Protein backbone atom coordinates (compact mmCIF):
# COMPACT_ATOMS: atom_id res chain seq x y z
CA MET A 1 -10.66 24.36 87.70
CA LEU A 2 -10.95 20.84 89.34
CA LEU A 3 -8.94 21.57 92.57
CA LYS A 4 -10.94 24.76 93.17
CA GLY A 5 -13.93 23.22 92.75
CA LEU A 6 -12.95 20.20 95.13
CA ALA A 7 -12.41 23.07 97.59
CA GLU A 8 -15.64 24.45 96.97
CA VAL A 9 -17.21 20.79 97.25
CA ASP A 10 -15.75 20.54 100.55
CA ALA A 11 -16.43 23.70 102.15
CA ALA A 12 -20.59 24.17 100.09
CA GLY A 13 -23.50 23.32 102.34
CA ARG A 14 -24.99 21.51 99.68
CA PRO A 15 -22.09 19.55 98.15
CA LEU A 16 -24.04 17.99 95.11
CA ALA A 17 -25.29 21.54 93.86
CA ALA A 18 -21.75 22.41 94.19
CA ALA A 19 -20.48 19.99 92.19
CA GLU A 20 -22.61 20.39 88.98
CA MET A 21 -21.66 23.94 89.55
CA VAL A 22 -18.32 22.46 88.95
CA LEU A 23 -18.84 20.74 86.33
CA VAL A 24 -20.99 23.08 84.18
CA ARG A 25 -17.79 25.77 84.27
CA ILE A 26 -15.81 22.81 83.14
CA ALA A 27 -18.11 22.25 80.14
CA TYR A 28 -17.65 25.85 79.50
CA ALA A 29 -14.42 25.98 79.54
CA ALA A 30 -14.48 22.95 77.18
CA ASP A 31 -15.36 25.09 74.06
CA LEU A 32 -12.59 27.29 74.80
CA PRO A 33 -9.27 27.48 72.66
CA THR A 34 -6.03 25.76 74.27
CA PRO A 35 -3.53 28.45 75.29
CA ASP A 36 -1.07 27.31 72.54
CA GLU A 37 -4.39 28.14 70.25
CA VAL A 38 -4.70 31.41 71.98
CA VAL A 39 -1.23 32.57 71.07
CA ARG A 40 -1.44 31.18 67.57
CA ALA A 41 -4.77 33.52 66.95
CA LEU A 42 -3.16 36.67 68.75
CA SER A 43 -0.24 36.09 66.33
CA ASP A 44 -1.86 36.08 63.17
CA SER A 45 -4.69 38.54 64.27
CA ALA A 46 -1.83 41.25 64.52
CA GLN A 47 -0.48 40.54 61.00
CA ARG A 48 -4.09 40.65 59.68
CA GLY A 49 -5.25 43.59 61.96
CA ASN A 50 -7.97 43.67 64.50
CA GLY A 51 -10.80 42.32 62.60
CA GLY A 52 -9.29 38.55 62.96
CA GLY A 53 -8.61 39.11 66.73
CA ALA A 54 -12.31 40.23 67.20
CA THR A 55 -13.56 37.27 65.07
CA MET A 56 -11.57 34.73 67.03
CA SER A 57 -12.48 36.47 70.44
CA ALA A 58 -16.59 36.40 69.58
CA ALA A 59 -16.47 32.85 68.49
CA PRO A 60 -16.64 31.17 72.09
CA ARG A 61 -18.92 33.68 73.21
CA ALA A 62 -21.44 32.80 70.96
CA GLU A 63 -21.02 29.35 71.37
CA ALA A 64 -21.24 29.58 74.93
CA PRO A 65 -25.17 30.11 75.16
CA ALA A 66 -25.45 27.13 73.16
CA ARG A 67 -23.51 25.09 75.54
CA SER A 68 -25.09 26.24 78.83
CA GLN A 69 -28.17 24.86 77.98
CA ALA A 70 -26.97 21.71 76.77
CA ALA A 71 -24.52 21.09 80.22
CA PRO A 72 -27.15 19.93 82.59
CA ARG A 73 -28.65 17.42 80.15
CA PRO A 74 -26.08 14.91 80.71
CA GLU A 75 -27.17 11.75 82.44
CA PRO A 76 -26.76 10.56 85.07
CA ARG A 77 -26.93 14.48 86.45
CA GLY A 78 -23.85 15.33 88.44
CA GLY A 79 -21.33 14.15 85.65
CA PRO A 80 -18.41 11.45 86.54
CA ARG A 81 -18.47 11.52 90.22
CA ALA A 82 -21.88 11.59 90.10
CA ALA A 83 -22.17 8.57 87.95
CA LEU A 84 -19.46 6.51 89.59
CA SER A 85 -21.67 7.27 93.43
CA ALA A 86 -24.91 6.29 91.68
CA PRO A 87 -24.62 2.45 91.47
CA VAL A 88 -23.19 2.28 95.27
CA THR A 89 -26.56 4.53 96.22
CA ALA A 90 -28.61 2.45 94.68
CA ALA A 91 -27.02 -0.55 96.18
CA LEU A 92 -27.19 0.73 99.76
CA ASP A 93 -31.17 1.79 99.05
CA ALA A 94 -32.04 -1.55 97.19
CA PRO A 95 -33.96 -4.22 99.83
CA PRO A 96 -31.38 -7.38 100.99
CA ALA A 97 -32.33 -10.06 98.63
CA THR A 98 -34.53 -13.12 100.72
CA ALA A 99 -32.51 -16.07 100.82
CA ALA A 100 -33.72 -19.22 99.21
CA ALA A 101 -34.50 -22.24 102.21
CA PRO A 102 -32.02 -24.87 102.12
CA ALA A 103 -33.50 -27.59 100.21
CA ARG A 104 -34.64 -30.83 102.76
CA ALA A 105 -34.70 -34.39 101.92
CA LEU A 106 -37.41 -36.75 102.84
CA ALA A 107 -36.80 -40.55 102.80
CA ARG A 108 -39.89 -42.04 104.86
CA PHE A 109 -43.58 -40.71 105.03
CA GLU A 110 -42.99 -40.86 109.05
CA ASP A 111 -40.40 -38.03 108.24
CA LEU A 112 -43.31 -35.94 106.64
CA ILE A 113 -45.22 -36.49 109.88
CA ALA A 114 -42.22 -35.53 112.22
CA LEU A 115 -41.70 -32.29 109.70
CA ALA A 116 -45.37 -31.26 110.25
CA ALA A 117 -44.58 -31.62 114.34
CA GLU A 118 -41.69 -29.48 113.90
CA LYS A 119 -43.53 -26.72 112.07
CA ARG A 120 -46.05 -26.95 114.87
CA ASP A 121 -48.68 -27.41 112.04
CA LEU A 122 -51.03 -29.99 114.18
CA ASN A 123 -53.89 -30.09 111.81
CA THR A 124 -51.69 -31.48 108.86
CA LYS A 125 -49.87 -33.82 111.34
CA ALA A 126 -53.70 -35.02 112.27
CA ALA A 127 -54.86 -35.33 109.03
CA LEU A 128 -51.63 -37.23 107.68
CA GLU A 129 -52.36 -39.44 110.84
CA ARG A 130 -55.91 -40.08 110.09
CA ASP A 131 -57.12 -39.39 106.69
CA VAL A 132 -54.27 -40.47 104.13
CA ARG A 133 -53.77 -44.06 103.22
CA LEU A 134 -50.23 -44.00 101.74
CA VAL A 135 -49.60 -45.86 98.17
CA ARG A 136 -46.13 -44.27 97.29
CA PHE A 137 -43.52 -42.14 98.74
CA GLU A 138 -40.29 -40.84 97.36
CA ASP A 139 -38.31 -37.89 98.04
CA GLY A 140 -40.60 -35.07 95.93
CA THR A 141 -43.42 -37.39 95.13
CA LEU A 142 -45.75 -38.33 97.18
CA GLU A 143 -49.35 -40.53 95.95
CA ILE A 144 -52.18 -41.43 98.23
CA ALA A 145 -55.56 -42.41 98.92
CA LEU A 146 -57.85 -40.60 101.10
CA GLU A 147 -60.17 -41.62 103.96
CA PRO A 148 -63.75 -40.02 103.49
CA SER A 149 -63.32 -37.60 106.24
CA ALA A 150 -60.15 -36.27 104.27
CA ALA A 151 -60.63 -32.30 103.49
CA LYS A 152 -61.25 -31.34 99.93
CA THR A 153 -58.20 -28.86 100.45
CA LEU A 154 -56.01 -31.69 101.67
CA VAL A 155 -54.18 -32.49 98.42
CA GLY A 156 -53.21 -28.57 97.46
CA ASP A 157 -52.40 -27.67 100.97
CA LEU A 158 -50.15 -30.73 101.36
CA SER A 159 -48.36 -29.61 97.86
CA LYS A 160 -48.00 -26.28 99.10
CA LYS A 161 -46.68 -26.82 102.43
CA LEU A 162 -44.30 -29.66 101.26
CA ASN A 163 -42.90 -26.79 98.80
CA GLU A 164 -42.45 -24.19 101.38
CA TRP A 165 -40.98 -27.11 103.90
CA THR A 166 -38.26 -28.51 102.13
CA GLY A 167 -37.23 -26.05 99.43
CA ARG A 168 -38.20 -28.03 96.64
CA ARG A 169 -41.12 -28.69 94.33
CA TRP A 170 -43.14 -31.56 95.51
CA MET A 171 -45.94 -33.45 93.44
CA VAL A 172 -48.75 -34.63 95.66
CA ALA A 173 -51.21 -37.05 93.52
CA VAL A 174 -54.44 -39.10 94.86
CA SER A 175 -54.53 -42.65 93.42
CA ALA A 176 -57.14 -44.83 92.46
CA GLU A 177 -55.22 -47.76 94.65
CA ALA A 178 -57.09 -48.26 98.08
CA GLY A 179 -53.33 -47.88 99.68
CA ALA A 180 -51.98 -48.78 102.71
CA PRO A 181 -54.21 -48.23 106.19
CA SER A 182 -53.63 -44.91 107.64
CA LEU A 183 -51.55 -44.49 110.54
CA ARG A 184 -54.18 -44.01 113.20
CA THR A 185 -56.05 -47.51 111.79
CA GLN A 186 -52.61 -48.88 112.12
CA ALA A 187 -52.31 -48.03 115.58
CA GLU A 188 -55.50 -48.82 116.63
CA ALA A 189 -55.41 -52.51 115.14
CA ARG A 190 -52.04 -52.98 116.90
CA LYS A 191 -53.60 -51.99 120.16
CA ALA A 192 -56.12 -54.37 119.52
CA GLU A 193 -53.89 -57.02 118.74
CA LEU A 194 -52.02 -56.51 122.01
CA LYS A 195 -55.16 -56.51 123.92
CA ASP A 196 -56.13 -59.76 122.65
CA THR A 197 -52.74 -61.42 123.35
CA VAL A 198 -52.69 -59.94 126.74
CA ARG A 199 -56.48 -60.91 127.31
CA GLY A 200 -55.01 -64.88 126.46
CA ASP A 201 -52.43 -64.64 129.71
CA PRO A 202 -53.84 -66.73 132.79
CA LEU A 203 -52.94 -64.29 135.33
CA VAL A 204 -55.11 -61.61 133.58
CA GLN A 205 -57.92 -64.20 133.18
CA ALA A 206 -57.77 -64.68 136.91
CA VAL A 207 -57.94 -60.79 137.54
CA LEU A 208 -61.34 -60.88 135.02
CA SER A 209 -63.07 -63.74 136.51
CA ARG A 210 -62.19 -62.25 139.94
CA PHE A 211 -63.84 -58.81 139.25
CA PRO A 212 -66.73 -59.21 137.04
CA GLY A 213 -67.24 -56.33 134.54
CA ALA A 214 -63.38 -55.47 134.15
CA GLU A 215 -62.17 -54.44 131.03
CA ILE A 216 -58.64 -54.01 129.64
CA VAL A 217 -58.61 -50.28 128.36
CA ASP A 218 -55.08 -50.03 127.86
CA VAL A 219 -51.57 -52.02 127.78
CA ARG A 220 -48.52 -50.64 129.27
CA PRO A 221 -44.73 -52.47 129.54
CA PRO A 222 -44.24 -53.27 133.22
CA ALA A 223 -42.34 -51.01 135.93
CA GLY A 224 -38.95 -50.69 134.88
CA ALA A 225 -38.56 -52.34 131.47
CA ALA A 226 -37.76 -50.40 128.55
CA ALA A 227 -41.00 -49.27 126.18
CA THR A 228 -40.17 -50.38 122.73
CA GLU A 229 -42.61 -48.85 119.73
CA GLY A 230 -44.59 -51.49 118.42
CA ASP A 231 -43.55 -54.42 120.96
CA ASP A 232 -46.44 -56.70 120.83
CA THR A 233 -44.91 -59.29 123.98
CA ALA A 234 -45.20 -56.53 126.61
CA LEU A 235 -47.28 -57.50 129.56
CA PRO A 236 -49.13 -55.41 131.65
CA ASP A 237 -48.64 -55.11 135.90
CA THR A 238 -51.70 -56.89 136.90
CA GLY A 239 -50.62 -56.24 140.81
CA ASP A 240 -53.40 -53.85 141.81
CA ALA A 241 -56.45 -54.49 139.27
CA THR A 242 -59.81 -53.24 140.09
CA PRO A 243 -62.89 -53.50 137.98
CA GLY A 244 -63.25 -51.34 135.11
CA ASP A 245 -59.39 -49.79 135.88
CA GLU A 246 -56.85 -50.07 132.97
CA GLU A 247 -54.23 -52.69 133.55
């Protein structure tokens, strides 16, 4: 029956339905006596007469309708072959799992600003430079004080974005301490200090006295010199100063 059923399934237009019918026939056959039992029953019936034979032959037929009602009920539907294919089908239909973002460590507050720039979140980058006074920074912990210009949602937004960007949980807290000046304030202080240093140079004083009303609006390293961040000793090139020009 199995060999014949395989051929029927291969040739059928609806293989699943054909396989179910094969399993139903096998379920019916399960209630039938084995060949040796049939031989013994025929031998016994020959000795007792036709009554015993009629009883033996009627028994399987009486049980067949009851079995036919229970045959379609086994789960999963379709029998052992369907049970083996069900996990494979479920695995193919299931959506692929989303891979977790790899954890990323941040050693300094400047690394956080660089990460915001990498994610092209310019609003967060500007807020970190302008509105945040750093109190304490550790990998996974950020303790800050806020400038009056800071947005009310800045702390919550920072915590959420740090969790997403680094793939790990961060604690962002507002401290009662004053904290260090914001990065923008520090940059402006360095620029003012550098201007004061340059203003004391005799050559710059000569240019300023030659052009009344001229101001130093920025300080840049001389041409050909490598610019070093935070270098307060760089002097400007004053070869072509004009009133109000940047030198």
